[in-house]
Amino acid sequence: MIEILASAPLLTLFVAVALGTLVGAIPFGPVRFGPAGALFVGLAIGALDPRLGEGLGLVQSIGLALFVYTIGLAAGASFFRDLRKQAPLMLGATVILAVYAGLVVLASGAFGLGAELAGGLFAGSLTATPALAAATAATGGSTDPAVSYAITYPVAIIVTILAVTLVMRKRLPGTRDPEPPGGAGLRAVTVELERELRVSQIPGIASIPGHAGGEVRVSYLQRDGHMSVAHPDELLCVGDRVLLVGVPDGVRRAADHLGREVDQALVDDRSSVDFERFVVSDPAIAGRTVAELRIPARFDGIITRVRRGDDDLLAHAEMRLQLGDRVLVVAPKERLASLAALFGNSERRVTEVDFFSMGLGIALGVAVGLITIPLGGASLALGSAAGPLLVGLVLGYLDRTGPVVWTIPNAANLTIRQLGLVIFLAAVGMASGQAFASLAFSVEGLTIGLIAAGLLLVALALFWGLGRFVGLSTARVAGAMAGFVGQPAILSHVTASIDDERTQAGYSALFALGIIVKILLVQLVVAF
């Protein structure tokens, strides 16, 4: 059997991927290791025979590039949008990561661990797969970083889950982190007007070009028994009835300002005005804002909601549409066919990937990663991990450049990301299996695990203090801790206990930033 696996590396790799997926799905209490199962199975296979881990360098690089680039594309818009809002949290987390890197260097020196093991300890205790790649490259391809990474990875998950469980039980004041405008999804109500005003004057309206955000939109308008769509510049009159849709608190404030709620569902009358969801599958639409499409002027309609992944979002004027979005449009019935043609409305097309833009984007990222900055006797480089990630963030923020659409439909992005990650981890495990078998169950292996647990507890305690000092809520701090460690399994544990959008916001703010900072810091860790 070993001879067959040794003679067919591709067979061996995908056996590791398949078995790793099964292992990653096994629950250990509240924890599932997910894609990391491929690493553990890869280590087990690689330990059987040194030939099973040979010649996998290119495979590792391809898998890693796919993983980090698609993360960048998905996180680009929110990353740059939240820079100002969550700057204190992001800056503080960066400082704590730097302190943590220093502690790893000191502890490794005190216990006689080499620089290679220290780099893997740093990456594994923060579950930073791209940082592992950077550590391996910085040590000339040594397998030691992957060994200590494999030892400390499960330790990090367990320790962090215990820590966030304690955090969630101790409520932080959150003096500078107010409750979100609405956490119960979107709400629609019918209101009868008791004052005259334009749609653009409604408090919290999300229809004004040039203004991002908003809490409410107006769709149906009933006047003198006639149903139509309320245009963004429409003058509403006393006695009109309109349908408001938006976040619950925003809808309530707008309804109080306009008049009184009535027990009538305007959407039930679909004789002249109707609504339908359309799939954004035409690349010409991707990257355009809702305002740029001029739906009210061209089709007498209005976009009220955008479903992106599992989230139903209120459409605002400056929201950029992405391939795979499902937009809900209210319009006259006879215009719905034209709207379908505008958006493309093809499920098949949103499963396709533009490999020109994707290949070009990854190539740009790899090229940026080649840039090396000399630091005295050492050097610092973004490498094949941070380079594609950084370029992906920028391109994800831009959405498109002229005719080139950089973003990838959400479903395709997740699939490519997961495939790249499991291939990378399986290949790393197979290449490091021999070294892992000789170290993991030794005194030195136990020492590495205990150092990781102790230092991570210190870092998480500092992080909790940062949240309290900055005035953040328990929900945001718990989510940010998951992003600080960079582990979706921890986020799932948090969201199972806290139903608050600030949890996801905290996670998103630190996840991509953390990967970049960890990639840079791990190179300094192995240099010392």
Protein backbone atom coordinates (compact mmCIF):
# COMPACT_ATOMS: atom_id res chain seq x y z
CA MET A 1 0.00 0.00 0.00
CA ILE A 2 2.81 2.39 0.91
CA GLU A 3 4.46 1.70 -2.45
CA ILE A 4 1.25 2.61 -4.29
CA LEU A 5 0.88 5.87 -2.36
CA ALA A 6 4.55 6.74 -2.87
CA SER A 7 4.28 6.20 -6.62
CA ALA A 8 1.08 8.30 -6.95
CA PRO A 9 1.47 11.62 -5.06
CA LEU A 10 -1.81 12.97 -6.43
CA LEU A 11 -3.68 9.94 -5.10
CA THR A 12 -2.03 10.36 -1.71
CA LEU A 13 -2.83 14.05 -1.54
CA PHE A 14 -6.53 13.61 -2.17
CA VAL A 15 -6.76 10.64 0.17
CA ALA A 16 -5.43 13.01 2.84
CA VAL A 17 -7.97 15.67 1.81
CA ALA A 18 -10.88 13.21 1.93
CA LEU A 19 -9.94 11.60 5.24
CA GLY A 20 -9.04 15.00 6.68
CA THR A 21 -12.52 16.28 5.88
CA LEU A 22 -14.01 13.38 7.85
CA VAL A 23 -11.71 14.01 10.81
CA GLY A 24 -12.45 17.75 10.71
CA ALA A 25 -16.18 17.04 10.97
CA ILE A 26 -15.86 15.02 14.19
CA PRO A 27 -17.14 17.08 17.15
CA PHE A 28 -14.89 17.36 20.20
CA GLY A 29 -17.36 18.94 22.58
CA PRO A 30 -18.20 22.35 21.05
CA VAL A 31 -15.21 22.18 18.69
CA ARG A 32 -14.77 20.85 15.17
CA PHE A 33 -11.35 21.26 13.59
CA GLY A 34 -12.79 21.67 10.10
CA PRO A 35 -10.11 22.09 7.39
CA ALA A 36 -7.36 21.51 9.98
CA GLY A 37 -8.36 17.84 9.86
CA ALA A 38 -6.47 17.67 6.56
CA LEU A 39 -3.31 18.78 8.39
CA PHE A 40 -3.62 16.09 11.05
CA VAL A 41 -4.33 13.33 8.52
CA GLY A 42 -1.49 14.60 6.34
CA LEU A 43 0.86 14.37 9.33
CA ALA A 44 -0.25 10.80 9.99
CA ILE A 45 0.27 9.79 6.34
CA GLY A 46 3.61 11.57 6.09
CA ALA A 47 4.83 9.79 9.23
CA LEU A 48 4.42 6.41 7.49
CA ASP A 49 7.18 6.97 4.94
CA PRO A 50 9.36 10.01 4.07
CA ARG A 51 8.65 9.55 0.36
CA LEU A 52 4.99 10.44 0.87
CA GLY A 53 5.83 14.06 1.64
CA GLU A 54 8.30 14.76 -1.15
CA GLY A 55 7.83 17.21 -4.04
CA LEU A 56 4.76 19.03 -2.70
CA GLY A 57 6.17 22.57 -2.60
CA LEU A 58 4.33 23.84 -5.67
CA VAL A 59 1.07 22.25 -4.52
CA GLN A 60 1.39 24.04 -1.17
CA SER A 61 1.99 27.39 -2.86
CA ILE A 62 -1.00 27.03 -5.20
CA GLY A 63 -3.34 26.03 -2.38
CA LEU A 64 -2.16 28.89 -0.18
CA ALA A 65 -2.48 31.50 -2.96
CA LEU A 66 -6.07 30.43 -3.70
CA PHE A 67 -6.95 30.55 -0.01
CA VAL A 68 -5.55 33.96 0.91
CA TYR A 69 -6.54 35.70 -2.34
CA THR A 70 -10.21 34.70 -2.02
CA ILE A 71 -10.19 35.80 1.63
CA GLY A 72 -8.93 39.20 0.50
CA LEU A 73 -11.59 39.56 -2.18
CA ALA A 74 -14.37 38.70 0.27
CA ALA A 75 -13.11 40.93 3.09
CA GLY A 76 -11.87 43.92 1.05
CA ALA A 77 -14.99 46.08 1.18
CA SER A 78 -15.66 45.64 4.92
CA PHE A 79 -11.96 45.88 5.82
CA PHE A 80 -11.48 49.35 4.36
CA ARG A 81 -14.98 50.48 5.38
CA ASP A 82 -14.28 49.66 9.03
CA LEU A 83 -10.77 51.14 9.19
CA ARG A 84 -11.92 54.39 10.77
CA LYS A 85 -14.79 53.03 12.84
CA GLN A 86 -12.80 50.23 14.45
CA ALA A 87 -9.35 51.84 14.32
CA PRO A 88 -8.75 51.69 18.12
CA LEU A 89 -9.57 47.97 18.19
CA MET A 90 -7.42 47.22 15.15
CA LEU A 91 -4.47 49.29 16.39
CA GLY A 92 -4.65 47.76 19.85
CA ALA A 93 -4.82 44.23 18.43
CA THR A 94 -1.73 44.93 16.29
CA VAL A 95 0.18 46.05 19.39
CA ILE A 96 -0.89 42.93 21.31
CA LEU A 97 0.23 40.73 18.41
CA ALA A 98 3.63 42.43 18.47
CA VAL A 99 3.86 41.89 22.24
CA TYR A 100 2.84 38.27 21.76
CA ALA A 101 5.58 37.76 19.16
CA GLY A 102 8.10 39.13 21.65
CA LEU A 103 6.85 36.77 24.37
CA VAL A 104 7.17 33.81 22.00
CA VAL A 105 10.79 34.75 21.25
CA LEU A 106 11.61 35.12 24.97
CA ALA A 107 9.87 31.90 25.99
CA SER A 108 11.47 29.92 23.15
CA GLY A 109 14.89 31.15 24.16
CA ALA A 110 14.26 30.37 27.82
CA PHE A 111 13.19 26.79 27.07
CA GLY A 112 15.81 26.16 24.38
CA LEU A 113 13.47 25.94 21.39
CA GLY A 114 14.95 26.79 18.02
CA ALA A 115 13.76 29.64 15.80
CA GLU A 116 11.97 27.20 13.49
CA LEU A 117 9.86 25.73 16.31
CA ALA A 118 9.21 29.24 17.66
CA GLY A 119 7.85 30.34 14.28
CA GLY A 120 5.49 27.40 14.11
CA LEU A 121 4.44 27.97 17.73
CA PHE A 122 3.55 31.58 16.93
CA ALA A 123 1.60 30.62 13.80
CA GLY A 124 -0.16 27.60 15.32
CA SER A 125 -1.16 29.26 18.58
CA LEU A 126 -2.86 31.94 16.45
CA THR A 127 -4.20 29.36 13.92
CA ALA A 128 -2.60 31.43 11.14
CA THR A 129 -2.05 29.06 8.21
CA PRO A 130 -0.51 31.77 5.95
CA ALA A 131 1.91 32.63 8.76
CA LEU A 132 3.00 28.98 8.78
CA ALA A 133 3.84 29.29 5.09
CA ALA A 134 5.82 32.47 5.80
CA ALA A 135 7.72 30.75 8.64
CA THR A 136 8.53 27.76 6.46
CA ALA A 137 9.82 30.00 3.67
CA ALA A 138 11.84 32.13 6.09
CA THR A 139 13.55 29.02 7.52
CA GLY A 140 14.54 27.69 4.12
CA GLY A 141 11.83 25.04 3.88
CA SER A 142 12.34 23.50 7.31
CA THR A 143 9.59 21.14 8.51
CA ASP A 144 9.94 22.23 12.16
CA PRO A 145 7.45 25.14 11.88
CA ALA A 146 4.74 22.75 10.68
CA VAL A 147 5.45 20.39 13.58
CA SER A 148 5.00 22.98 16.31
CA TYR A 149 2.08 24.45 14.35
CA ALA A 150 0.30 21.08 14.46
CA ILE A 151 0.95 20.77 18.19
CA THR A 152 -0.29 24.24 19.10
CA TYR A 153 -3.22 24.57 16.69
CA PRO A 154 -5.71 22.46 18.72
CA VAL A 155 -4.37 24.00 21.95
CA ALA A 156 -5.20 27.46 20.61
CA ILE A 157 -8.78 26.54 19.75
CA ILE A 158 -9.48 24.96 23.14
CA VAL A 159 -7.86 27.76 25.15
CA THR A 160 -9.62 30.50 23.19
CA ILE A 161 -13.04 28.85 23.46
CA LEU A 162 -12.61 28.65 27.24
CA ALA A 163 -11.50 32.29 27.34
CA VAL A 164 -14.39 33.67 25.25
CA THR A 165 -16.83 31.62 27.34
CA LEU A 166 -15.61 33.51 30.41
CA VAL A 167 -15.74 36.82 28.52
CA MET A 168 -19.34 36.25 27.50
CA ARG A 169 -20.30 35.74 31.13
CA LYS A 170 -18.75 39.06 32.25
CA ARG A 171 -20.71 41.89 30.64
CA LEU A 172 -18.59 44.86 29.54
CA PRO A 173 -20.11 48.35 29.82
CA GLY A 174 -19.66 49.07 26.08
CA THR A 175 -19.82 52.84 26.66
CA ARG A 176 -18.51 53.57 23.15
CA ASP A 177 -20.16 50.65 21.43
CA PRO A 178 -23.94 51.29 21.25
CA GLU A 179 -26.50 48.66 20.39
CA PRO A 180 -26.76 48.01 16.63
CA PRO A 181 -29.70 49.67 14.84
CA GLY A 182 -31.43 46.34 14.49
CA GLY A 183 -30.51 42.73 14.96
CA ALA A 184 -33.81 41.12 14.04
CA GLY A 185 -33.48 41.36 10.28
CA LEU A 186 -35.58 43.65 8.13
CA ARG A 187 -39.16 44.69 8.86
CA ALA A 188 -41.88 46.00 6.55
CA VAL A 189 -44.89 48.09 7.66
CA THR A 190 -47.62 50.10 5.94
CA VAL A 191 -47.96 53.71 7.06
CA GLU A 192 -50.66 56.30 6.32
CA LEU A 193 -49.20 59.78 6.03
CA GLU A 194 -50.34 62.62 8.26
CA ARG A 195 -47.89 65.15 6.85
CA GLU A 196 -46.58 66.15 3.44
CA LEU A 197 -42.90 65.58 2.62
CA ARG A 198 -40.60 64.10 0.02
CA VAL A 199 -39.21 60.57 0.21
CA SER A 200 -35.70 62.01 0.49
CA GLN A 201 -36.74 63.83 3.70
CA ILE A 202 -37.77 60.68 5.58
CA PRO A 203 -35.46 60.11 8.59
CA GLY A 204 -32.91 57.39 7.89
CA ILE A 205 -33.84 57.06 4.20
CA ALA A 206 -31.34 54.99 2.22
CA SER A 207 -32.15 56.35 -1.24
CA ILE A 208 -29.98 59.47 -1.47
CA PRO A 209 -27.15 59.18 -4.05
CA GLY A 210 -23.76 60.04 -2.60
CA HIS A 211 -24.78 58.94 0.91
CA ALA A 212 -23.85 55.45 2.07
CA GLY A 213 -25.91 53.61 4.64
CA GLY A 214 -29.43 54.23 5.83
CA GLU A 215 -32.09 52.41 7.79
CA VAL A 216 -35.26 52.49 5.68
CA ARG A 217 -36.55 52.50 2.12
CA VAL A 218 -39.98 53.19 0.64
CA SER A 219 -41.33 50.90 -2.06
CA TYR A 220 -45.13 50.72 -2.59
CA LEU A 221 -47.19 53.92 -2.76
CA GLN A 222 -50.99 53.84 -2.68
CA ARG A 223 -52.74 57.11 -3.60
CA ASP A 224 -56.49 57.39 -4.21
CA GLY A 225 -56.70 53.61 -4.63
CA HIS A 226 -53.97 53.54 -7.30
CA MET A 227 -50.79 51.54 -6.64
CA SER A 228 -47.37 52.66 -7.86
CA VAL A 229 -43.71 52.71 -6.84
CA ALA A 230 -42.51 55.60 -4.70
CA HIS A 231 -39.59 57.30 -6.45
CA PRO A 232 -36.70 58.64 -4.33
CA ASP A 233 -37.72 62.26 -5.11
CA GLU A 234 -41.48 61.62 -4.83
CA LEU A 235 -43.62 64.16 -2.95
CA LEU A 236 -45.79 62.22 -0.51
CA CYS A 237 -49.16 63.69 0.42
CA VAL A 238 -51.43 63.46 3.44
CA GLY A 239 -53.57 60.33 3.15
CA ASP A 240 -51.05 58.42 1.03
CA ARG A 241 -50.14 54.94 2.18
CA VAL A 242 -46.59 53.70 1.76
CA LEU A 243 -44.69 50.53 2.53
CA LEU A 244 -41.58 51.08 4.65
CA VAL A 245 -38.89 48.39 4.78
CA GLY A 246 -35.73 48.48 6.84
CA VAL A 247 -34.16 47.73 10.21
CA PRO A 248 -36.86 47.59 12.92
CA ASP A 249 -35.82 50.67 14.90
CA GLY A 250 -35.34 52.72 11.74
CA VAL A 251 -38.75 51.70 10.42
CA ARG A 252 -40.37 52.61 13.73
CA ARG A 253 -38.77 56.09 13.78
CA ALA A 254 -39.71 56.76 10.15
CA ALA A 255 -43.30 55.57 10.73
CA ASP A 256 -43.68 57.83 13.78
CA HIS A 257 -42.43 60.76 11.72
CA LEU A 258 -44.72 60.09 8.75
CA GLY A 259 -47.99 59.28 10.44
CA ARG A 260 -49.54 56.08 11.75
CA GLU A 261 -49.19 52.39 11.01
CA VAL A 262 -52.20 50.70 9.43
CA ASP A 263 -53.17 47.08 9.23
CA GLN A 264 -52.87 46.71 5.47
CA ALA A 265 -50.32 44.70 3.51
CA LEU A 266 -49.74 46.70 0.32
CA VAL A 267 -47.70 43.83 -1.10
CA ASP A 268 -50.86 41.74 -1.31
CA ASP A 269 -52.07 43.86 -4.21
CA ARG A 270 -49.89 42.68 -7.07
CA SER A 271 -52.26 43.59 -9.88
CA SER A 272 -50.18 46.49 -11.22
CA VAL A 273 -47.03 46.61 -9.08
CA ASP A 274 -45.12 43.46 -8.25
CA PHE A 275 -41.81 42.42 -6.70
CA GLU A 276 -39.25 39.80 -7.64
CA ARG A 277 -35.71 38.77 -6.75
CA PHE A 278 -33.15 38.78 -9.55
CA VAL A 279 -29.70 37.18 -9.55
CA VAL A 280 -26.88 39.55 -10.46
CA SER A 281 -25.08 37.45 -13.08
CA ASP A 282 -24.19 40.07 -15.71
CA PRO A 283 -20.58 41.26 -15.18
CA ALA A 284 -21.59 44.67 -16.52
CA ILE A 285 -23.70 45.18 -13.39
CA ALA A 286 -21.16 43.89 -10.87
CA GLY A 287 -19.35 46.69 -9.05
CA ARG A 288 -22.03 49.28 -9.91
CA THR A 289 -23.83 51.08 -7.12
CA VAL A 290 -27.59 50.94 -6.69
CA ALA A 291 -27.78 54.64 -7.57
CA GLU A 292 -25.76 54.17 -10.78
CA LEU A 293 -28.32 51.70 -12.15
CA ARG A 294 -31.02 54.42 -12.08
CA ILE A 295 -33.81 51.87 -11.59
CA PRO A 296 -36.46 54.49 -10.67
CA ALA A 297 -35.83 56.57 -13.81
CA ARG A 298 -35.37 53.67 -16.23
CA PHE A 299 -37.90 51.13 -14.96
CA ASP A 300 -40.20 53.01 -12.54
CA GLY A 301 -38.99 50.61 -9.85
CA ILE A 302 -36.80 50.48 -6.77
CA ILE A 303 -34.32 48.03 -5.24
CA THR A 304 -35.24 47.48 -1.59
CA ARG A 305 -33.16 44.51 -0.47
CA VAL A 306 -30.00 42.65 -1.46
CA ARG A 307 -29.42 39.09 -0.31
CA ARG A 308 -25.68 38.38 -0.15
CA GLY A 309 -24.76 34.93 1.07
CA ASP A 310 -26.98 34.30 4.08
CA ASP A 311 -27.54 37.99 4.86
CA ASP A 312 -30.56 40.03 3.76
CA LEU A 313 -29.34 43.63 3.49
CA LEU A 314 -31.22 46.87 3.06
CA ALA A 315 -30.20 48.38 -0.28
CA HIS A 316 -28.79 51.89 0.01
CA ALA A 317 -27.89 54.22 -2.81
CA GLU A 318 -24.11 53.69 -2.62
CA MET A 319 -24.18 49.91 -2.11
CA ARG A 320 -22.09 48.13 -4.75
CA LEU A 321 -23.68 45.03 -6.21
CA GLN A 322 -21.64 41.85 -6.55
CA LEU A 323 -21.95 38.81 -8.78
CA GLY A 324 -24.28 36.34 -7.08
CA ASP A 325 -26.28 38.98 -5.19
CA ARG A 326 -30.04 38.50 -5.23
CA VAL A 327 -31.72 41.87 -5.46
CA LEU A 328 -35.39 42.40 -4.61
CA VAL A 329 -36.96 44.94 -6.97
CA VAL A 330 -40.44 46.47 -6.72
CA ALA A 331 -41.64 47.62 -10.14
CA PRO A 332 -44.65 47.67 -12.49
CA LYS A 333 -45.39 44.12 -13.63
CA GLU A 334 -44.68 44.87 -17.28
CA ARG A 335 -41.11 46.00 -16.42
CA LEU A 336 -40.03 42.83 -14.59
CA ALA A 337 -38.89 41.04 -17.77
CA SER A 338 -36.66 44.00 -18.66
CA LEU A 339 -35.21 44.03 -15.16
CA ALA A 340 -34.42 40.32 -15.41
CA ALA A 341 -32.49 41.01 -18.61
CA LEU A 342 -30.64 43.89 -16.94
CA PHE A 343 -29.32 41.81 -14.03
CA GLY A 344 -28.78 38.64 -16.08
CA ASN A 345 -30.75 36.51 -13.62
CA SER A 346 -28.80 33.34 -14.45
CA GLU A 347 -27.98 30.82 -11.73
CA ARG A 348 -25.58 29.04 -14.08
CA ARG A 349 -23.49 32.12 -14.81
CA VAL A 350 -22.89 32.91 -11.14
CA THR A 351 -21.24 29.51 -10.70
CA GLU A 352 -18.68 30.44 -13.34
CA VAL A 353 -15.42 32.16 -12.45
CA ASP A 354 -13.61 34.69 -14.62
CA PHE A 355 -10.17 33.08 -14.54
CA PHE A 356 -8.65 36.02 -16.42
CA SER A 357 -9.32 38.42 -13.54
CA MET A 358 -8.58 35.77 -10.93
CA GLY A 359 -5.31 34.72 -12.55
CA LEU A 360 -4.26 38.33 -13.03
CA GLY A 361 -5.12 39.19 -9.43
CA ILE A 362 -3.16 36.28 -7.97
CA ALA A 363 -0.23 37.04 -10.28
CA LEU A 364 -0.20 40.64 -9.01
CA GLY A 365 -0.31 39.34 -5.44
CA VAL A 366 2.59 36.95 -5.95
CA ALA A 367 4.58 39.74 -7.61
CA VAL A 368 3.95 42.06 -4.65
CA GLY A 369 4.99 39.24 -2.34
CA LEU A 370 8.41 39.10 -4.04
CA ILE A 371 9.28 42.56 -2.74
CA THR A 372 11.85 42.21 0.05
CA ILE A 373 12.63 44.90 2.63
CA PRO A 374 16.11 44.61 4.24
CA LEU A 375 16.16 44.99 8.04
CA GLY A 376 19.78 45.06 9.16
CA GLY A 377 21.05 41.52 8.84
CA ALA A 378 17.58 40.13 8.13
CA SER A 379 14.90 40.86 5.57
CA LEU A 380 11.13 41.13 5.55
CA ALA A 381 8.84 40.11 2.69
CA LEU A 382 5.10 39.75 2.21
CA GLY A 383 5.72 36.44 0.47
CA SER A 384 3.27 34.19 -1.31
CA ALA A 385 0.84 34.47 1.61
CA ALA A 386 0.50 38.17 2.43
CA GLY A 387 1.09 39.39 -1.13
CA PRO A 388 -2.04 37.80 -2.67
CA LEU A 389 -4.01 38.63 0.49
CA LEU A 390 -3.11 42.31 0.37
CA VAL A 391 -3.83 42.59 -3.36
CA GLY A 392 -7.07 40.68 -2.83
CA LEU A 393 -8.15 43.18 -0.17
CA VAL A 394 -7.52 46.12 -2.50
CA LEU A 395 -9.22 44.48 -5.49
CA GLY A 396 -12.14 43.37 -3.32
CA TYR A 397 -12.59 46.98 -2.26
CA LEU A 398 -12.41 48.24 -5.86
CA ASP A 399 -14.84 45.54 -7.15
CA ARG A 400 -13.97 46.34 -10.75
CA THR A 401 -11.49 48.28 -12.87
CA GLY A 402 -13.05 49.30 -16.17
CA PRO A 403 -14.36 46.11 -17.80
CA VAL A 404 -12.48 43.79 -15.40
CA VAL A 405 -14.59 42.51 -12.50
CA TRP A 406 -12.32 41.37 -9.67
CA THR A 407 -14.86 39.95 -7.25
CA ILE A 408 -16.03 36.33 -7.43
CA PRO A 409 -19.58 35.14 -6.67
CA ASN A 410 -19.87 34.31 -2.98
CA ALA A 411 -20.55 30.59 -3.45
CA ALA A 412 -17.63 30.16 -5.86
CA ASN A 413 -15.37 32.18 -3.56
CA LEU A 414 -16.12 29.93 -0.58
CA THR A 415 -15.58 26.78 -2.64
CA ILE A 416 -12.22 27.92 -4.03
CA ARG A 417 -11.13 29.16 -0.61
CA GLN A 418 -11.94 25.85 1.09
CA LEU A 419 -10.28 23.82 -1.66
CA GLY A 420 -7.10 25.88 -1.49
CA LEU A 421 -6.94 25.59 2.29
CA VAL A 422 -7.39 21.82 2.55
CA ILE A 423 -4.90 21.18 -0.27
CA PHE A 424 -2.32 23.40 1.42
CA LEU A 425 -2.82 21.85 4.86
CA ALA A 426 -2.78 18.27 3.56
CA ALA A 427 0.44 18.93 1.63
CA VAL A 428 2.09 20.63 4.61
CA GLY A 429 1.11 17.75 6.88
CA MET A 430 2.48 15.11 4.51
CA ALA A 431 5.78 16.99 4.18
CA SER A 432 6.11 17.37 7.97
CA GLY A 433 4.89 13.94 9.11
CA GLN A 434 8.31 12.45 9.88
CA ALA A 435 9.41 15.40 12.02
CA PHE A 436 6.05 15.50 13.80
CA ALA A 437 6.21 11.82 14.73
CA SER A 438 9.63 12.29 16.34
CA LEU A 439 8.68 15.37 18.38
CA ALA A 440 4.96 15.60 19.09
CA PHE A 441 4.85 13.01 21.89
CA SER A 442 8.15 13.95 23.48
CA VAL A 443 8.87 16.23 26.45
CA GLU A 444 9.77 18.97 24.00
CA GLY A 445 6.40 18.58 22.27
CA LEU A 446 4.57 18.87 25.60
CA THR A 447 6.64 21.94 26.46
CA ILE A 448 5.64 23.61 23.18
CA GLY A 449 1.96 22.98 23.91
CA LEU A 450 2.17 24.36 27.45
CA ILE A 451 4.08 27.47 26.31
CA ALA A 452 1.41 28.14 23.68
CA ALA A 453 -1.43 27.76 26.19
CA GLY A 454 0.21 30.06 28.75
CA LEU A 455 1.20 32.81 26.34
CA LEU A 456 -2.16 32.77 24.57
CA LEU A 457 -3.97 33.23 27.89
CA VAL A 458 -1.80 36.28 28.56
CA ALA A 459 -2.56 37.71 25.10
CA LEU A 460 -6.31 37.13 25.47
CA ALA A 461 -6.28 38.77 28.91
CA LEU A 462 -4.58 41.80 27.35
CA PHE A 463 -7.19 41.75 24.61
CA TRP A 464 -10.03 41.76 27.13
CA GLY A 465 -8.36 44.73 28.84
CA LEU A 466 -8.13 46.50 25.47
CA GLY A 467 -11.86 46.03 24.90
CA ARG A 468 -12.68 47.40 28.34
CA PHE A 469 -10.33 50.37 27.91
CA VAL A 470 -11.68 51.28 24.45
CA GLY A 471 -15.27 50.94 25.69
CA LEU A 472 -16.37 48.00 23.55
CA SER A 473 -19.31 45.68 24.17
CA THR A 474 -19.04 42.06 25.22
CA ALA A 475 -20.41 41.00 21.82
CA ARG A 476 -17.74 42.86 19.85
CA VAL A 477 -14.88 41.77 22.11
CA ALA A 478 -15.90 38.09 21.93
CA GLY A 479 -16.14 38.25 18.12
CA ALA A 480 -12.88 40.17 17.90
CA MET A 481 -11.15 37.51 20.00
CA ALA A 482 -12.19 34.92 17.44
CA GLY A 483 -10.78 37.18 14.70
CA PHE A 484 -7.61 37.83 16.71
CA VAL A 485 -6.94 34.09 16.84
CA GLY A 486 -8.35 33.76 13.31
CA GLN A 487 -10.57 30.73 13.86
CA PRO A 488 -14.13 30.40 12.45
CA ALA A 489 -14.86 27.55 14.90
CA ILE A 490 -14.47 30.03 17.76
CA LEU A 491 -16.75 32.51 16.01
CA SER A 492 -19.39 29.78 15.66
CA HIS A 493 -19.12 29.13 19.40
CA VAL A 494 -19.62 32.83 20.13
CA THR A 495 -22.55 33.34 17.79
CA ALA A 496 -24.30 30.32 19.29
CA SER A 497 -24.47 32.28 22.56
CA ILE A 498 -24.70 35.90 21.37
CA ASP A 499 -27.11 37.00 18.64
CA ASP A 500 -25.59 40.39 17.88
CA GLU A 501 -24.21 41.81 14.62
CA ARG A 502 -21.33 43.42 16.52
CA THR A 503 -19.87 39.93 17.00
CA GLN A 504 -19.40 39.45 13.24
CA ALA A 505 -18.18 43.04 12.84
CA GLY A 506 -15.46 42.51 15.46
CA TYR A 507 -14.39 39.25 13.83
CA SER A 508 -14.25 40.75 10.33
CA ALA A 509 -12.25 43.77 11.48
CA LEU A 510 -9.41 41.67 12.85
CA PHE A 511 -9.38 38.54 10.71
CA ALA A 512 -7.80 39.94 7.53
CA LEU A 513 -5.67 42.49 9.41
CA GLY A 514 -4.47 39.76 11.77
CA ILE A 515 -3.33 37.53 8.92
CA ILE A 516 -1.18 40.30 7.42
CA VAL A 517 0.35 41.28 10.78
CA LYS A 518 1.02 37.64 11.73
CA ILE A 519 2.75 36.96 8.39
CA LEU A 520 5.07 39.91 8.96
CA LEU A 521 5.73 39.18 12.64
CA VAL A 522 6.45 35.48 12.19
CA GLN A 523 9.38 36.39 9.96
CA LEU A 524 10.81 38.46 12.80
CA VAL A 525 10.20 35.61 15.25
CA VAL A 526 12.28 33.15 13.20
CA ALA A 527 14.93 35.82 12.60
CA PHE A 528 15.62 35.99 16.34
